[in-house]
Amino acid sequence: MNKKLGNIFKGDKVIWMVFFFLCLISIVEVFSASSGLTYKGGNYLAPIIKHILILAVGVFFMVVTLNIKCKYFKIATPILLIISVAALIWVYFVGHSTNDAQRWITILGIQFQPSEIAKGTMVLATAQILSAMQTDNGADKHAMKFILIVCAVIIPLIGAENLSTAALLCAVIFLMMVVGRVPAQQLGKLMGVVTIFIVGVVTLVMVLGKDQQSENNKNNLTEQVVLAGEKEGSTRSGGVLHRFDTWKSRIDKFLNSKEVEPNEVDLDKDAQVAHANIAIVSSNIIGKGPGNSVERDFLSQAFSDFIYAIIIEELGIAGAFFVAMLYIILLFRTGRIANRCENNFPAFLAMGLALLLVTQALFNMCVAVGLAPVTGQPLPLISKGGTSSIINCVYIGVILSVSRTAKKNIEPNDKPIPAIAGE
């Protein structure tokens, strides 16, 4: 029996334990936070059953992935690049829109976000470039050029509809270049150019965009018409810059956030932020206990973008700290695995995927507690999701594959003991 289990749960056991706890927390908290879905669907168990089935499919693909040798991931890179670019272009023209963002496409009845595939593809391509251009003194000076060429193709296509995802991906690629020992001078110049670019984009957003909340307060009738056209499955309208309004509204809300008396909070205008704050404050440090959340009935994305606020409300500060530590353990454990790899490619690939998961998780937590502007970033492996949850499981499978199949450096304490003469 133990041998059969060992054949399934291959790879680093700590990564497996982190994944197990994240899935366990996900099932409990999604079940608790899905009250809105159960009310709409009229079925108490349907949302959580669907979520468990999705996690089961994710585990299946994770087990399949961890049995693939690292060298085969290299072969998949050009294929995934072509698929990612084609899917991102496709979603831009004929994708499905939800909440004013056109991010989904449907193939054979399965709806997914191409950006989820593109993120992993970018990490895969960056790891391959960095590993191929490593020298004794770090990465070759031309490595950054090739990485930026790939970024120039993928990231603008993601950013057109999902700016936060594009920004987080840029941060992950930059951190991978730091880990890959790209010359510090080049990294400094890149940071300068990126800063200028960000200032330019923010300026355009503030000049060309319209604060939707201000406009809606002036004309409620217009709001109803606009919202009617933003139902799931509708197509996008407003041209290439249609997302500027949403971005400006979020920037204004974040920059203008000042201390407001509880009785002056507008729960209609600032529903998500307000109810997330109420959930956190009402936890009373120790939490209300699993399944006892009140704000889940008021937060529109309680099971997704703001599930961390529900975790704090139900599990208290200790539970929130435990969840955060799981991601930190995942990052540091992956770093230890990468440090023991003999070859550069598996090391960079594992670190890139771990950084991808952890940076998104930390950003989601910052949004939930009011330290970052509201975006549509779910909590990886915990939030309710579809194909995104499955793809995150695949990322964990790749890390486990690296821990299982990558050649290891022999550390001093691991050297075999010389045979005694005469034995």
Protein backbone atom coordinates (compact mmCIF):
# COMPACT_ATOMS: atom_id res chain seq x y z
CA MET A 1 0.00 0.00 0.00
CA ASN A 2 2.78 2.41 0.95
CA LYS A 3 4.57 1.58 -2.29
CA LYS A 4 1.46 2.41 -4.33
CA LEU A 5 1.03 5.71 -2.52
CA GLY A 6 4.71 6.45 -3.09
CA ASN A 7 4.23 5.93 -6.82
CA ILE A 8 1.45 8.55 -6.81
CA PHE A 9 2.85 11.13 -4.38
CA LYS A 10 6.24 11.49 -6.02
CA GLY A 11 8.44 14.51 -5.54
CA ASP A 12 9.08 16.79 -2.60
CA LYS A 13 6.90 15.86 0.38
CA VAL A 14 6.85 19.40 1.79
CA ILE A 15 5.40 20.75 -1.45
CA TRP A 16 2.78 18.00 -1.29
CA MET A 17 1.86 18.97 2.29
CA VAL A 18 1.57 22.66 1.38
CA PHE A 19 -0.65 21.74 -1.57
CA PHE A 20 -2.80 19.48 0.63
CA PHE A 21 -3.39 22.21 3.23
CA LEU A 22 -4.19 24.81 0.55
CA CYS A 23 -6.76 22.46 -1.01
CA LEU A 24 -8.28 21.65 2.38
CA ILE A 25 -8.63 25.34 3.24
CA SER A 26 -10.02 25.97 -0.24
CA ILE A 27 -12.79 23.38 0.13
CA VAL A 28 -13.84 24.64 3.57
CA GLU A 29 -13.75 28.35 2.73
CA VAL A 30 -15.26 28.11 -0.75
CA PHE A 31 -18.11 26.07 0.74
CA SER A 32 -18.62 28.77 3.33
CA ALA A 33 -18.23 31.72 0.93
CA SER A 34 -20.51 30.41 -1.83
CA SER A 35 -23.79 31.34 -0.15
CA GLY A 36 -24.61 33.73 -2.99
CA LEU A 37 -24.15 31.00 -5.58
CA THR A 38 -26.26 28.52 -3.62
CA TYR A 39 -29.04 31.09 -3.33
CA LYS A 40 -29.01 31.85 -7.05
CA GLY A 41 -28.77 28.22 -8.12
CA GLY A 42 -31.18 26.87 -5.54
CA ASN A 43 -28.82 24.00 -4.71
CA TYR A 44 -26.90 24.03 -1.44
CA LEU A 45 -24.20 21.55 -2.45
CA ALA A 46 -23.80 22.19 -6.19
CA PRO A 47 -21.08 24.91 -5.98
CA ILE A 48 -18.83 22.99 -3.61
CA ILE A 49 -19.30 19.70 -5.47
CA LYS A 50 -18.27 21.44 -8.68
CA HIS A 51 -15.26 22.98 -6.91
CA ILE A 52 -14.15 19.61 -5.50
CA LEU A 53 -14.47 18.02 -8.95
CA ILE A 54 -12.34 20.79 -10.45
CA LEU A 55 -9.69 20.25 -7.75
CA ALA A 56 -9.81 16.50 -8.45
CA VAL A 57 -9.21 17.16 -12.15
CA GLY A 58 -6.39 19.50 -11.16
CA VAL A 59 -4.79 16.82 -8.99
CA PHE A 60 -5.04 14.37 -11.89
CA PHE A 61 -3.23 16.73 -14.25
CA MET A 62 -0.72 17.54 -11.52
CA VAL A 63 0.14 13.85 -11.10
CA VAL A 64 0.46 13.51 -14.88
CA THR A 65 2.73 16.57 -15.04
CA LEU A 66 5.02 15.50 -12.20
CA ASN A 67 5.76 12.29 -14.11
CA ILE A 68 7.04 14.26 -17.11
CA LYS A 69 10.80 14.72 -17.20
CA CYS A 70 12.10 18.29 -17.20
CA LYS A 71 13.69 18.00 -20.64
CA TYR A 72 10.27 17.61 -22.25
CA PHE A 73 9.14 21.00 -20.94
CA LYS A 74 11.77 22.58 -23.19
CA ILE A 75 10.26 20.88 -26.22
CA ALA A 76 6.83 22.26 -25.33
CA THR A 77 8.00 25.89 -25.19
CA PRO A 78 7.61 26.91 -28.88
CA ILE A 79 4.28 25.07 -29.13
CA LEU A 80 2.91 26.81 -26.05
CA LEU A 81 4.13 30.19 -27.32
CA ILE A 82 2.19 29.76 -30.56
CA ILE A 83 -0.93 28.58 -28.70
CA SER A 84 -0.71 31.47 -26.20
CA VAL A 85 -0.37 34.18 -28.84
CA ALA A 86 -3.16 32.71 -30.98
CA ALA A 87 -5.50 32.36 -27.97
CA LEU A 88 -4.79 35.90 -26.71
CA ILE A 89 -5.53 37.37 -30.15
CA TRP A 90 -8.63 35.21 -30.41
CA VAL A 91 -10.03 36.32 -27.05
CA TYR A 92 -9.47 39.95 -27.99
CA PHE A 93 -11.84 39.70 -30.95
CA VAL A 94 -14.36 36.99 -30.11
CA GLY A 95 -13.93 36.36 -26.38
CA HIS A 96 -16.65 36.46 -23.73
CA SER A 97 -16.92 39.48 -21.45
CA THR A 98 -17.57 39.53 -17.72
CA ASN A 99 -17.49 42.67 -15.56
CA ASP A 100 -16.33 44.79 -18.51
CA ALA A 101 -13.32 42.55 -19.15
CA GLN A 102 -13.04 40.31 -22.19
CA ARG A 103 -10.83 37.48 -20.93
CA TRP A 104 -12.58 34.19 -21.65
CA ILE A 105 -12.89 31.92 -24.66
CA THR A 106 -14.86 28.71 -24.99
CA ILE A 107 -13.62 25.56 -26.72
CA LEU A 108 -15.75 22.40 -26.74
CA GLY A 109 -17.90 23.84 -24.00
CA ILE A 110 -14.90 24.57 -21.73
CA GLN A 111 -14.39 28.23 -20.80
CA PHE A 112 -10.91 29.41 -19.85
CA GLN A 113 -8.65 32.46 -19.74
CA PRO A 114 -5.77 32.33 -22.26
CA SER A 115 -3.79 34.59 -19.94
CA GLU A 116 -3.47 31.69 -17.46
CA ILE A 117 -1.70 29.59 -20.09
CA ALA A 118 0.33 32.58 -21.30
CA LYS A 119 1.69 33.23 -17.78
CA GLY A 120 3.19 29.77 -17.46
CA THR A 121 4.45 29.95 -21.04
CA MET A 122 6.29 33.21 -20.32
CA VAL A 123 7.96 31.67 -17.26
CA LEU A 124 8.90 28.61 -19.32
CA ALA A 125 10.40 30.71 -22.13
CA THR A 126 12.29 32.97 -19.70
CA ALA A 127 13.74 29.97 -17.86
CA GLN A 128 14.91 28.47 -21.14
CA ILE A 129 16.56 31.71 -22.30
CA LEU A 130 18.31 32.29 -18.97
CA SER A 131 19.55 28.70 -18.76
CA ALA A 132 20.80 28.66 -22.37
CA MET A 133 22.74 31.92 -21.96
CA GLN A 134 24.39 31.31 -18.59
CA THR A 135 28.12 31.91 -18.28
CA ASP A 136 30.54 31.65 -15.36
CA ASN A 137 29.87 35.32 -14.59
CA GLY A 138 26.10 35.17 -14.87
CA ALA A 139 23.70 35.54 -17.76
CA ASP A 140 25.02 36.75 -21.10
CA LYS A 141 24.33 40.43 -21.76
CA HIS A 142 22.11 39.49 -24.70
CA ALA A 143 19.79 37.35 -22.57
CA MET A 144 17.65 40.32 -21.55
CA LYS A 145 17.10 41.27 -25.19
CA PHE A 146 15.60 37.90 -26.05
CA ILE A 147 13.45 37.90 -22.91
CA LEU A 148 12.11 41.37 -23.72
CA ILE A 149 11.28 40.28 -27.27
CA VAL A 150 9.08 37.48 -25.93
CA CYS A 151 7.57 39.87 -23.37
CA ALA A 152 6.81 42.42 -26.09
CA VAL A 153 4.66 39.83 -27.87
CA ILE A 154 2.83 38.28 -24.91
CA ILE A 155 2.44 40.94 -22.21
CA PRO A 156 0.66 43.68 -24.25
CA LEU A 157 -1.93 41.11 -25.34
CA ILE A 158 -2.57 40.23 -21.68
CA GLY A 159 -2.48 43.82 -20.47
CA ALA A 160 -5.12 45.02 -22.93
CA GLU A 161 -7.80 43.28 -20.86
CA ASN A 162 -6.05 42.32 -17.63
CA LEU A 163 -3.57 44.97 -16.57
CA SER A 164 -3.00 43.57 -13.08
CA THR A 165 -2.09 40.13 -14.45
CA ALA A 166 0.33 41.71 -16.94
CA ALA A 167 1.92 43.80 -14.17
CA LEU A 168 2.36 40.80 -11.86
CA LEU A 169 3.83 38.77 -14.72
CA CYS A 170 6.33 41.56 -15.43
CA ALA A 171 7.35 41.53 -11.77
CA VAL A 172 7.86 37.75 -11.88
CA ILE A 173 9.97 37.96 -15.06
CA PHE A 174 12.09 40.69 -13.47
CA LEU A 175 12.65 38.58 -10.36
CA MET A 176 13.59 35.63 -12.58
CA MET A 177 16.20 37.81 -14.28
CA VAL A 178 17.56 38.73 -10.86
CA VAL A 179 17.76 35.04 -9.92
CA GLY A 180 19.25 34.30 -13.36
CA ARG A 181 22.07 36.79 -12.68
CA VAL A 182 21.31 39.21 -15.48
CA PRO A 183 23.84 42.11 -15.20
CA ALA A 184 22.76 44.62 -12.55
CA GLN A 185 23.41 47.53 -14.89
CA GLN A 186 20.90 46.18 -17.39
CA LEU A 187 18.34 45.58 -14.64
CA GLY A 188 18.79 49.15 -13.42
CA LYS A 189 18.21 50.57 -16.90
CA LEU A 190 15.16 48.36 -17.30
CA MET A 191 13.69 49.61 -14.03
CA GLY A 192 14.18 53.20 -15.20
CA VAL A 193 12.43 52.55 -18.52
CA VAL A 194 9.59 50.66 -16.81
CA THR A 195 9.10 53.52 -14.32
CA ILE A 196 8.80 56.03 -17.16
CA PHE A 197 6.40 53.71 -18.97
CA ILE A 198 4.21 53.26 -15.88
CA VAL A 199 4.06 57.02 -15.34
CA GLY A 200 3.06 57.45 -18.99
CA VAL A 201 0.32 54.81 -18.81
CA VAL A 202 -1.09 56.20 -15.56
CA THR A 203 -1.09 59.69 -17.07
CA LEU A 204 -3.01 58.46 -20.12
CA VAL A 205 -5.49 56.62 -17.90
CA MET A 206 -6.11 59.69 -15.74
CA VAL A 207 -6.46 61.99 -18.78
CA LEU A 208 -8.47 59.78 -21.14
CA GLY A 209 -10.41 57.67 -18.66
CA LYS A 210 -13.62 58.61 -16.92
CA ASP A 211 -14.35 57.77 -13.30
CA GLN A 212 -17.30 55.42 -13.70
CA GLN A 213 -18.60 56.03 -10.21
CA SER A 214 -18.76 59.78 -10.69
CA GLU A 215 -20.50 59.37 -14.01
CA ASN A 216 -22.90 56.83 -12.54
CA ASN A 217 -23.83 59.17 -9.72
CA LYS A 218 -24.77 61.77 -12.32
CA ASN A 219 -26.84 59.44 -14.43
CA ASN A 220 -28.27 56.31 -12.83
CA LEU A 221 -30.24 55.50 -15.94
CA THR A 222 -27.07 55.31 -18.00
CA GLU A 223 -25.60 53.00 -15.36
CA GLN A 224 -28.46 50.57 -15.72
CA VAL A 225 -28.06 50.47 -19.50
CA VAL A 226 -24.33 49.93 -19.28
CA LEU A 227 -24.61 47.21 -16.65
CA ALA A 228 -27.24 45.46 -18.72
CA GLY A 229 -24.69 45.11 -21.52
CA GLU A 230 -21.96 43.81 -19.22
CA LYS A 231 -23.56 40.51 -18.35
CA GLU A 232 -21.49 37.39 -18.71
CA GLY A 233 -21.22 36.26 -22.29
CA SER A 234 -21.68 39.72 -23.79
CA THR A 235 -19.17 41.15 -26.20
CA ARG A 236 -16.99 44.14 -25.51
CA SER A 237 -17.79 47.67 -26.55
CA GLY A 238 -15.99 50.97 -26.29
CA GLY A 239 -12.91 50.36 -28.42
CA VAL A 240 -9.34 49.58 -27.51
CA LEU A 241 -9.23 51.95 -24.54
CA HIS A 242 -12.48 50.79 -22.94
CA ARG A 243 -10.66 49.57 -19.81
CA PHE A 244 -9.29 53.06 -19.02
CA ASP A 245 -12.54 53.97 -17.23
CA THR A 246 -12.28 50.96 -14.90
CA TRP A 247 -8.59 51.58 -14.20
CA LYS A 248 -9.17 55.28 -13.44
CA SER A 249 -12.01 54.44 -11.06
CA ARG A 250 -9.79 52.02 -9.15
CA ILE A 251 -6.84 54.44 -9.03
CA ASP A 252 -9.06 57.29 -7.82
CA LYS A 253 -10.63 55.10 -5.16
CA PHE A 254 -7.23 53.89 -3.92
CA LEU A 255 -5.51 57.29 -3.94
CA ASN A 256 -8.47 59.12 -2.42
CA SER A 257 -9.00 56.56 0.32
CA LYS A 258 -9.20 58.52 3.56
CA GLU A 259 -10.52 57.80 7.01
CA VAL A 260 -14.30 57.67 6.81
CA GLU A 261 -16.65 57.43 9.75
CA PRO A 262 -18.47 54.05 9.82
CA ASN A 263 -21.87 55.73 9.52
CA GLU A 264 -20.71 57.63 6.40
CA VAL A 265 -19.53 54.60 4.39
CA ASP A 266 -21.45 54.17 1.16
CA LEU A 267 -22.06 50.41 1.04
CA ASP A 268 -23.49 50.66 -2.47
CA LYS A 269 -20.57 52.52 -4.04
CA ASP A 270 -17.73 50.82 -2.12
CA ALA A 271 -19.41 47.50 -1.44
CA GLN A 272 -16.43 45.18 -1.90
CA VAL A 273 -13.91 47.22 0.08
CA ALA A 274 -16.40 48.14 2.78
CA HIS A 275 -17.65 44.61 3.39
CA ALA A 276 -14.10 43.23 3.26
CA ASN A 277 -13.13 45.69 6.01
CA ILE A 278 -16.20 44.73 8.01
CA ALA A 279 -15.28 41.05 7.66
CA ILE A 280 -11.76 41.70 8.93
CA VAL A 281 -12.81 43.89 11.85
CA SER A 282 -15.63 41.59 12.93
CA SER A 283 -13.23 38.63 13.21
CA ASN A 284 -12.30 39.86 16.70
CA ILE A 285 -8.79 38.47 16.20
CA ILE A 286 -9.74 34.86 16.97
CA GLY A 287 -12.33 34.52 14.17
CA LYS A 288 -15.94 33.37 14.15
CA GLY A 289 -15.16 29.79 13.14
CA PRO A 290 -15.48 27.99 9.79
CA GLY A 291 -18.88 28.49 8.18
CA ASN A 292 -19.89 31.39 10.42
CA SER A 293 -19.08 34.30 8.12
CA VAL A 294 -21.68 37.04 7.80
CA GLU A 295 -20.06 39.19 5.11
CA ARG A 296 -20.02 36.31 2.60
CA ASP A 297 -23.66 37.23 1.93
CA PHE A 298 -22.69 40.77 0.92
CA LEU A 299 -19.31 40.40 -0.84
CA SER A 300 -19.96 39.76 -4.53
CA GLN A 301 -16.64 37.92 -4.96
CA ALA A 302 -16.41 36.36 -1.50
CA PHE A 303 -15.48 32.97 -2.99
CA SER A 304 -12.86 34.41 -5.35
CA ASP A 305 -11.14 37.81 -5.19
CA PHE A 306 -11.98 38.50 -1.54
CA ILE A 307 -11.83 35.02 -0.06
CA TYR A 308 -8.89 36.06 2.12
CA ALA A 309 -11.18 38.52 3.93
CA ILE A 310 -13.57 35.65 4.62
CA ILE A 311 -10.64 33.53 5.87
CA ILE A 312 -9.73 36.30 8.33
CA GLU A 313 -13.36 36.65 9.44
CA GLU A 314 -13.75 32.93 10.10
CA LEU A 315 -10.24 31.77 11.09
CA GLY A 316 -8.93 34.96 12.67
CA ILE A 317 -5.40 36.34 12.55
CA ALA A 318 -3.87 32.92 13.24
CA GLY A 319 -5.66 31.37 10.27
CA ALA A 320 -4.72 34.26 7.99
CA PHE A 321 -1.08 33.97 9.10
CA PHE A 322 -1.12 30.22 8.51
CA VAL A 323 -2.39 30.68 4.94
CA ALA A 324 0.26 33.32 4.22
CA MET A 325 2.96 31.07 5.65
CA LEU A 326 1.92 28.21 3.36
CA TYR A 327 2.80 30.35 0.34
CA ILE A 328 6.06 31.48 1.93
CA ILE A 329 6.99 27.86 2.68
CA LEU A 330 6.18 26.97 -0.94
CA LEU A 331 8.55 29.69 -2.17
CA PHE A 332 11.43 28.84 0.17
CA ARG A 333 11.05 25.10 -0.33
CA THR A 334 11.13 25.59 -4.10
CA GLY A 335 14.21 27.76 -3.65
CA ARG A 336 15.92 24.91 -1.81
CA ILE A 337 14.96 22.49 -4.60
CA ALA A 338 16.27 24.91 -7.23
CA ASN A 339 19.51 25.40 -5.32
CA ARG A 340 20.17 21.66 -5.43
CA CYS A 341 19.58 21.34 -9.18
CA GLU A 342 22.65 20.56 -11.25
CA ASN A 343 21.20 22.17 -14.39
CA ASN A 344 19.98 25.74 -14.68
CA PHE A 345 16.76 25.20 -16.63
CA PRO A 346 14.80 23.19 -14.03
CA ALA A 347 16.02 25.51 -11.29
CA PHE A 348 14.85 28.67 -13.09
CA LEU A 349 11.58 27.02 -14.15
CA ALA A 350 10.67 25.91 -10.62
CA MET A 351 11.57 29.28 -9.11
CA GLY A 352 9.64 31.15 -11.80
CA LEU A 353 6.45 29.16 -11.21
CA ALA A 354 6.77 29.48 -7.43
CA LEU A 355 7.24 33.24 -7.78
CA LEU A 356 4.22 33.37 -10.09
CA LEU A 357 1.97 31.68 -7.51
CA VAL A 358 3.32 33.48 -4.46
CA THR A 359 3.33 37.03 -5.88
CA GLN A 360 -0.29 36.61 -7.00
CA ALA A 361 -1.21 35.26 -3.57
CA LEU A 362 0.48 38.11 -1.72
CA PHE A 363 -1.14 40.67 -4.01
CA ASN A 364 -4.57 39.14 -3.43
CA MET A 365 -4.01 39.36 0.31
CA CYS A 366 -2.94 43.01 0.03
CA VAL A 367 -6.12 43.80 -1.90
CA ALA A 368 -8.28 42.05 0.71
CA VAL A 369 -6.78 44.07 3.58
CA GLY A 370 -6.78 47.38 1.67
CA LEU A 371 -3.05 47.68 0.93
CA ALA A 372 -3.49 47.55 -2.86
CA PRO A 373 -6.16 48.73 -5.33
CA VAL A 374 -8.96 46.31 -6.13
CA THR A 375 -8.21 43.98 -9.05
CA GLY A 376 -9.50 40.65 -10.28
CA GLN A 377 -6.70 38.47 -8.93
CA PRO A 378 -7.92 35.29 -7.17
CA LEU A 379 -6.01 33.54 -4.39
CA PRO A 380 -4.14 30.68 -6.12
CA LEU A 381 -5.25 27.16 -5.15
CA ILE A 382 -7.79 28.53 -2.66
CA SER A 383 -10.25 30.75 -4.56
CA LYS A 384 -13.08 29.11 -6.45
CA GLY A 385 -12.05 28.78 -10.07
CA GLY A 386 -12.31 26.71 -13.19
CA THR A 387 -9.45 26.15 -15.56
CA SER A 388 -7.30 28.60 -13.56
CA SER A 389 -7.36 26.20 -10.59
CA ILE A 390 -6.41 23.31 -12.87
CA ILE A 391 -3.54 25.27 -14.41
CA ASN A 392 -2.26 26.26 -10.95
CA CYS A 393 -2.24 22.55 -10.09
CA VAL A 394 -0.19 21.93 -13.23
CA TYR A 395 2.31 24.57 -12.04
CA ILE A 396 2.68 22.65 -8.77
CA GLY A 397 3.11 19.47 -10.82
CA VAL A 398 6.00 21.05 -12.72
CA ILE A 399 7.69 22.02 -9.43
CA LEU A 400 7.23 18.45 -8.17
CA SER A 401 8.64 17.13 -11.46
CA VAL A 402 11.73 19.27 -10.95
CA SER A 403 12.12 17.99 -7.39
CA ARG A 404 11.77 14.41 -8.63
CA THR A 405 13.63 14.23 -11.95
CA ALA A 406 16.16 17.07 -12.06
CA LYS A 407 19.76 16.07 -11.48
CA LYS A 408 20.98 17.17 -8.08
CA ASN A 409 24.22 18.78 -7.03
CA ILE A 410 26.03 16.62 -4.50
CA GLU A 411 26.50 18.66 -1.35
CA PRO A 412 29.51 18.04 0.93
CA ASN A 413 27.42 16.14 3.49
CA ASP A 414 25.90 14.01 0.72
CA LYS A 415 29.18 12.63 -0.68
CA PRO A 416 29.38 8.85 -0.54
CA ILE A 417 31.76 7.35 2.01
CA PRO A 418 34.81 5.83 0.29
CA ALA A 419 34.94 2.06 0.38
CA ILE A 420 37.45 0.57 2.82
CA ALA A 421 40.27 -1.29 1.16
CA GLY A 422 39.73 -4.98 1.14
CA GLU A 423 35.91 -4.80 1.27
